[in-house]
N, C-alpha and C. Protein backbone atom coordinates (compact mmCIF):
# COMPACT_ATOMS: atom_id res chain seq x y z
N MET A 1 100.85 83.58 118.30
CA MET A 1 100.38 84.64 117.43
C MET A 1 101.48 85.70 117.21
N PHE A 2 102.09 86.14 118.31
CA PHE A 2 103.15 87.14 118.18
C PHE A 2 104.37 86.56 117.50
N ASP A 3 104.57 85.25 117.67
CA ASP A 3 105.67 84.60 116.96
C ASP A 3 105.48 84.71 115.46
N LYS A 4 104.23 84.54 115.01
CA LYS A 4 103.94 84.65 113.57
C LYS A 4 104.20 86.07 113.08
N LEU A 5 103.81 87.05 113.87
CA LEU A 5 104.04 88.44 113.47
C LEU A 5 105.53 88.75 113.42
N PHE A 6 106.28 88.25 114.40
CA PHE A 6 107.73 88.46 114.41
C PHE A 6 108.36 87.77 113.21
N GLU A 7 107.91 86.55 112.92
CA GLU A 7 108.42 85.82 111.76
C GLU A 7 108.09 86.56 110.47
N ALA A 8 106.90 87.12 110.39
CA ALA A 8 106.50 87.89 109.21
C ALA A 8 107.41 89.09 109.02
N GLN A 9 107.75 89.78 110.11
CA GLN A 9 108.64 90.95 110.03
C GLN A 9 110.02 90.52 109.55
N GLN A 10 110.51 89.40 110.05
CA GLN A 10 111.81 88.90 109.62
C GLN A 10 111.79 88.55 108.13
N LYS A 11 110.74 87.89 107.69
CA LYS A 11 110.62 87.53 106.27
C LYS A 11 110.53 88.77 105.39
N ALA A 12 109.79 89.78 105.86
CA ALA A 12 109.68 91.03 105.11
C ALA A 12 111.05 91.69 104.98
N ASP A 13 111.83 91.65 106.04
CA ASP A 13 113.19 92.22 105.99
C ASP A 13 114.05 91.45 104.99
N GLU A 14 113.90 90.12 104.95
CA GLU A 14 114.65 89.31 104.00
C GLU A 14 114.26 89.66 102.56
N VAL A 15 112.96 89.85 102.34
CA VAL A 15 112.48 90.21 101.00
C VAL A 15 113.06 91.56 100.60
N LYS A 16 113.06 92.53 101.51
CA LYS A 16 113.61 93.86 101.20
C LYS A 16 115.08 93.76 100.82
N LYS A 17 115.84 92.94 101.54
CA LYS A 17 117.26 92.77 101.21
C LYS A 17 117.42 92.14 99.84
N ARG A 18 116.59 91.15 99.52
CA ARG A 18 116.65 90.51 98.21
C ARG A 18 116.29 91.52 97.12
N LEU A 19 115.28 92.35 97.37
CA LEU A 19 114.86 93.35 96.39
C LEU A 19 115.93 94.41 96.14
N ASP A 20 116.81 94.62 97.12
CA ASP A 20 117.92 95.56 96.91
C ASP A 20 118.84 95.10 95.78
N ASN A 21 118.87 93.79 95.54
CA ASN A 21 119.78 93.22 94.55
C ASN A 21 119.11 92.88 93.23
N ILE A 22 117.84 93.21 93.09
CA ILE A 22 117.13 92.97 91.83
C ILE A 22 117.01 94.29 91.09
N THR A 23 117.32 94.27 89.81
CA THR A 23 117.33 95.48 89.00
C THR A 23 116.17 95.48 88.01
N VAL A 24 115.54 96.64 87.90
CA VAL A 24 114.51 96.86 86.88
C VAL A 24 114.91 98.10 86.09
N LYS A 25 114.39 98.20 84.85
CA LYS A 25 114.73 99.34 84.01
C LYS A 25 113.47 99.97 83.44
N GLY A 26 113.55 101.26 83.27
CA GLY A 26 112.53 102.01 82.57
C GLY A 26 113.22 102.77 81.45
N THR A 27 112.61 102.77 80.28
CA THR A 27 113.24 103.46 79.16
C THR A 27 112.25 104.43 78.51
N ALA A 28 112.81 105.35 77.77
CA ALA A 28 112.02 106.30 76.98
C ALA A 28 112.76 106.57 75.68
N GLU A 29 111.99 106.99 74.69
CA GLU A 29 112.56 107.36 73.38
C GLU A 29 113.41 106.21 72.82
N ASN A 30 112.78 105.01 72.80
CA ASN A 30 113.42 103.82 72.24
C ASN A 30 114.78 103.51 72.88
N GLY A 31 114.85 103.67 74.19
CA GLY A 31 116.07 103.32 74.90
C GLY A 31 117.12 104.40 74.95
N LYS A 32 116.81 105.58 74.45
CA LYS A 32 117.80 106.65 74.49
C LYS A 32 117.97 107.20 75.91
N ILE A 33 116.95 106.98 76.74
CA ILE A 33 117.05 107.30 78.16
C ILE A 33 116.71 106.01 78.90
N THR A 34 117.58 105.60 79.80
CA THR A 34 117.36 104.40 80.59
C THR A 34 117.57 104.72 82.06
N VAL A 35 116.59 104.33 82.86
CA VAL A 35 116.68 104.50 84.31
C VAL A 35 116.67 103.11 84.93
N THR A 36 117.63 102.86 85.78
CA THR A 36 117.74 101.59 86.49
C THR A 36 117.41 101.83 87.95
N ALA A 37 116.55 100.95 88.49
CA ALA A 37 116.19 101.04 89.90
C ALA A 37 116.29 99.64 90.50
N ASN A 38 116.28 99.57 91.83
CA ASN A 38 116.24 98.25 92.46
C ASN A 38 114.80 97.91 92.81
N GLY A 39 114.59 96.71 93.30
CA GLY A 39 113.24 96.26 93.63
C GLY A 39 112.60 97.01 94.78
N ASN A 40 113.36 97.82 95.48
CA ASN A 40 112.83 98.65 96.56
C ASN A 40 112.55 100.07 96.11
N LYS A 41 112.48 100.26 94.80
CA LYS A 41 112.08 101.53 94.18
C LYS A 41 113.09 102.65 94.38
N GLN A 42 114.36 102.29 94.47
CA GLN A 42 115.41 103.30 94.58
C GLN A 42 116.13 103.39 93.25
N VAL A 43 116.17 104.58 92.67
CA VAL A 43 116.85 104.80 91.40
C VAL A 43 118.35 104.60 91.61
N GLN A 44 118.95 103.77 90.75
CA GLN A 44 120.37 103.47 90.86
C GLN A 44 121.19 104.24 89.84
N THR A 45 120.73 104.23 88.58
CA THR A 45 121.47 104.92 87.53
C THR A 45 120.51 105.54 86.52
N ILE A 46 120.99 106.57 85.85
CA ILE A 46 120.28 107.21 84.75
C ILE A 46 121.27 107.33 83.60
N SER A 47 120.88 106.84 82.44
CA SER A 47 121.75 106.88 81.28
C SER A 47 121.02 107.59 80.13
N ILE A 48 121.70 108.55 79.53
CA ILE A 48 121.13 109.29 78.40
C ILE A 48 122.09 109.18 77.23
N ASP A 49 121.58 108.71 76.11
CA ASP A 49 122.38 108.59 74.91
C ASP A 49 123.02 109.95 74.59
N GLU A 50 124.31 109.93 74.33
CA GLU A 50 125.05 111.18 74.13
C GLU A 50 124.53 112.00 72.94
N GLU A 51 124.25 111.36 71.82
CA GLU A 51 123.75 112.07 70.64
C GLU A 51 122.37 112.68 70.91
N PHE A 52 121.52 111.89 71.58
CA PHE A 52 120.19 112.39 71.91
C PHE A 52 120.30 113.59 72.85
N TYR A 53 121.22 113.50 73.82
CA TYR A 53 121.42 114.58 74.78
C TYR A 53 121.83 115.87 74.06
N LYS A 54 122.66 115.75 73.07
CA LYS A 54 123.13 116.93 72.33
C LYS A 54 122.00 117.56 71.52
N GLU A 55 121.08 116.73 71.02
CA GLU A 55 120.03 117.21 70.13
C GLU A 55 118.75 117.64 70.85
N ALA A 56 118.46 117.05 72.00
CA ALA A 56 117.19 117.29 72.69
C ALA A 56 117.19 118.65 73.37
N ASP A 57 116.01 119.25 73.40
CA ASP A 57 115.91 120.48 74.19
C ASP A 57 115.59 120.11 75.63
N ARG A 58 115.75 121.06 76.50
CA ARG A 58 115.60 120.81 77.94
C ARG A 58 114.23 120.25 78.29
N GLU A 59 113.17 120.83 77.76
CA GLU A 59 111.80 120.40 78.08
C GLU A 59 111.57 118.95 77.65
N GLU A 60 112.02 118.61 76.45
CA GLU A 60 111.87 117.25 75.95
C GLU A 60 112.64 116.27 76.84
N LEU A 61 113.84 116.62 77.19
CA LEU A 61 114.68 115.77 78.03
C LEU A 61 114.04 115.56 79.41
N GLU A 62 113.53 116.62 80.00
CA GLU A 62 112.89 116.52 81.31
C GLU A 62 111.66 115.62 81.26
N GLU A 63 110.84 115.79 80.22
CA GLU A 63 109.63 114.97 80.08
C GLU A 63 109.96 113.50 79.91
N LEU A 64 110.92 113.20 79.04
CA LEU A 64 111.29 111.81 78.78
C LEU A 64 111.99 111.18 79.98
N LEU A 65 112.73 111.97 80.69
CA LEU A 65 113.37 111.46 81.91
C LEU A 65 112.32 111.07 82.94
N ALA A 66 111.29 111.89 83.08
CA ALA A 66 110.19 111.57 83.99
C ALA A 66 109.48 110.28 83.55
N VAL A 67 109.30 110.10 82.25
CA VAL A 67 108.67 108.88 81.73
C VAL A 67 109.50 107.65 82.12
N ALA A 68 110.80 107.72 81.88
CA ALA A 68 111.68 106.58 82.17
C ALA A 68 111.72 106.28 83.67
N VAL A 69 111.79 107.32 84.49
CA VAL A 69 111.80 107.12 85.95
C VAL A 69 110.49 106.46 86.39
N ASN A 70 109.38 106.96 85.89
CA ASN A 70 108.08 106.40 86.28
C ASN A 70 107.95 104.94 85.84
N LYS A 71 108.45 104.60 84.67
CA LYS A 71 108.41 103.21 84.21
C LYS A 71 109.24 102.31 85.11
N ALA A 72 110.42 102.77 85.49
CA ALA A 72 111.28 101.96 86.37
C ALA A 72 110.63 101.78 87.73
N ILE A 73 110.07 102.85 88.28
CA ILE A 73 109.43 102.76 89.59
C ILE A 73 108.19 101.87 89.53
N GLU A 74 107.45 101.93 88.44
CA GLU A 74 106.27 101.07 88.28
C GLU A 74 106.68 99.60 88.25
N GLN A 75 107.74 99.29 87.51
CA GLN A 75 108.22 97.91 87.48
C GLN A 75 108.69 97.46 88.86
N ALA A 76 109.39 98.33 89.55
CA ALA A 76 109.87 98.00 90.89
C ALA A 76 108.70 97.79 91.84
N GLU A 77 107.68 98.61 91.74
CA GLU A 77 106.49 98.48 92.59
C GLU A 77 105.79 97.15 92.33
N ASN A 78 105.64 96.78 91.05
CA ASN A 78 105.01 95.51 90.71
C ASN A 78 105.81 94.33 91.27
N LEU A 79 107.12 94.40 91.12
CA LEU A 79 108.00 93.36 91.64
C LEU A 79 107.90 93.29 93.16
N ASN A 80 107.93 94.45 93.79
CA ASN A 80 107.85 94.54 95.24
C ASN A 80 106.56 93.91 95.75
N GLN A 81 105.44 94.26 95.14
CA GLN A 81 104.15 93.71 95.56
C GLN A 81 104.09 92.21 95.35
N ALA A 82 104.61 91.73 94.24
CA ALA A 82 104.60 90.30 93.96
C ALA A 82 105.44 89.54 94.98
N GLU A 83 106.60 90.07 95.32
CA GLU A 83 107.47 89.42 96.31
C GLU A 83 106.81 89.39 97.69
N MET A 84 106.21 90.50 98.08
CA MET A 84 105.55 90.55 99.39
C MET A 84 104.33 89.63 99.42
N ALA A 85 103.58 89.58 98.34
CA ALA A 85 102.41 88.71 98.28
C ALA A 85 102.83 87.24 98.36
N ALA A 86 103.91 86.89 97.66
CA ALA A 86 104.40 85.51 97.70
C ALA A 86 104.88 85.16 99.10
N MET A 87 105.57 86.08 99.75
CA MET A 87 106.05 85.84 101.11
C MET A 87 104.87 85.65 102.06
N THR A 88 103.85 86.48 101.93
CA THR A 88 102.68 86.39 102.80
C THR A 88 101.94 85.08 102.56
N LYS A 89 101.78 84.72 101.30
CA LYS A 89 101.08 83.47 100.98
C LYS A 89 101.84 82.27 101.51
N ASN A 90 103.17 82.29 101.36
CA ASN A 90 103.99 81.18 101.87
C ASN A 90 103.90 81.05 103.38
N MET A 91 103.81 82.17 104.06
CA MET A 91 103.76 82.14 105.52
C MET A 91 102.39 81.81 106.07
N PHE A 92 101.36 82.39 105.46
CA PHE A 92 100.04 82.31 106.06
C PHE A 92 99.01 81.60 105.18
N GLY A 93 99.43 81.10 104.04
CA GLY A 93 98.46 80.46 103.15
C GLY A 93 97.37 81.46 102.81
N ASP A 94 96.15 81.12 103.03
CA ASP A 94 95.03 82.04 102.82
C ASP A 94 94.75 82.80 104.10
N LEU A 95 95.73 83.42 104.66
CA LEU A 95 95.75 84.21 105.88
C LEU A 95 95.85 83.37 107.14
N GLY A 96 95.70 82.07 107.07
CA GLY A 96 95.94 81.19 108.20
C GLY A 96 95.42 81.74 109.50
N GLU A 97 96.27 81.78 110.51
CA GLU A 97 95.88 82.23 111.85
C GLU A 97 95.44 83.68 111.87
N LEU A 98 96.07 84.53 111.04
CA LEU A 98 95.68 85.93 111.03
C LEU A 98 94.26 86.11 110.52
N GLY A 99 93.85 85.27 109.58
CA GLY A 99 92.49 85.36 109.06
C GLY A 99 91.45 85.13 110.14
N ASN A 100 91.76 84.30 111.09
CA ASN A 100 90.83 84.01 112.18
C ASN A 100 90.62 85.24 113.07
N LEU A 101 91.59 86.10 113.11
CA LEU A 101 91.47 87.32 113.92
C LEU A 101 90.37 88.23 113.38
N PHE A 102 90.14 88.15 112.08
CA PHE A 102 89.20 89.06 111.44
C PHE A 102 87.89 88.36 111.07
N GLY A 103 87.62 87.25 111.73
CA GLY A 103 86.33 86.57 111.54
C GLY A 103 86.23 85.81 110.25
N LYS A 104 87.31 85.23 109.80
CA LYS A 104 87.30 84.47 108.55
C LYS A 104 86.37 83.29 108.65
């Protein structure tokens, strides 16, 4: 039983490392603001179109930046959950031995 838990922790660590190398993007204002994050929900880069930056007022820029960041984080969260669910399913099927602990 503890071997399975240890194996699960190792697999989770492997998934986190893999997610560090997967990139997702969130955009706003038709791509004039782009936020890139990794699969572990860490923002990597923020890009703002130079012409848009010159024309936008501060409030508009702040709002659209928040939109792009939230979109990138949402994509990363979805990817993260899918990877963890796949790892869990591969290891335990329909909860396998762990399911028995909870009266499956």
